[in-house]
Amino acid sequence: MITPVVLPWPLHSSLEAATRALFDPGDGSSIDFLRPAGEAALVSPESVSWRVFKNPLSLFIGGVTAVIMELAEPRVRTGIWEHTTFRLDPIRRLRRTGLAAMVTIYGARSTAEPMIARIRRMHEMIAGTTASGEAYRANDSELLNWVHGTAAYGFLQAYHMYVQPLSSSERDRYYAEGAPAASLYGAMGAPTSEVELEMLFHAMAGRLERSDIVIEFLTIMRSAPIPAIVGRRGSDRGLGPKYGGVLARLEQPRARQSCGRSRLVAHAAVSHAVDRR
């Protein structure tokens, strides 16, 4: 079991503050996670998932990692870039996505299930063709499995690397815990163990490709005015390149040795997706 990577405190503090701000809707709306009183969530409070998703570092670092991997798949990339507001309003988009993740994990079933159903209805209207002429649908089960698998991997690996190392059995539990919610989203074949995650990565490896959109995404994240929303008066600067080093740490041999062969496919996907050559 490895020792977590210790981030410099200014970066650690900045990432935590940024993540907390991103999960604040900012428009006066809110979700009461304590109501209805006593109603169960989709995931148990004793789960590994509750530990992972309550940590700001794992959410921010894992979320960015997941998006990079998702954008490496051309059908997913086209759907996100052509049918969402990410390029125009990245902070709002991240807030909405973050809130959906929190409701999925911590919200009462009577809150989470209708929210997921609304998201599926919206996705049903999203379809198109990639630049190479390949048709896609947002509710395609293969694409949903990829999105769910990469998101689950990103959050877990960030927690494992930067917060608290998890045993193999804990990592398997984490993936299995996500199966009920994944099926509600339509990801019927989402990985429920690390072995299944490895199978997903290998199955999709041949479809992943370099894209300038990934570089554009990273540019947007570097310039997004995140410090301004966490209370740095008079500042509208983005996080800048400093958090890029955090993502780079996931590429180092130490990280690769800590997480097995399946992760090598993931790291190769990220490296290939952001290759500027």
Foldseek 3Di string as FASTA:
>chain_A
DDDADEDPVVVQVLQLLLQVLLQPLPPPDDDDLCPPPPFDALFDPPAPVVVLLVGSQLCRQLVLLLVLLLCQFQQSVCQPVVPDCCLPAVSNVSNVVSNLVCCNHRHGPVPNLVVLVVVLVVQQPTWDAGPVGHTDGSLDLLSLLSSVLSSLVSSVLSCCHHPNNDDQVSQLRSLLSCQVVSVSNNNNQHDNHVVSSLVSLVVCLVRGAADVVSVVSVVCQQAQQSVVSSDPPPDRGHPHCPCVVVNVVCLDPVNDVSRDDSVVSSSVSSCRHPDPD
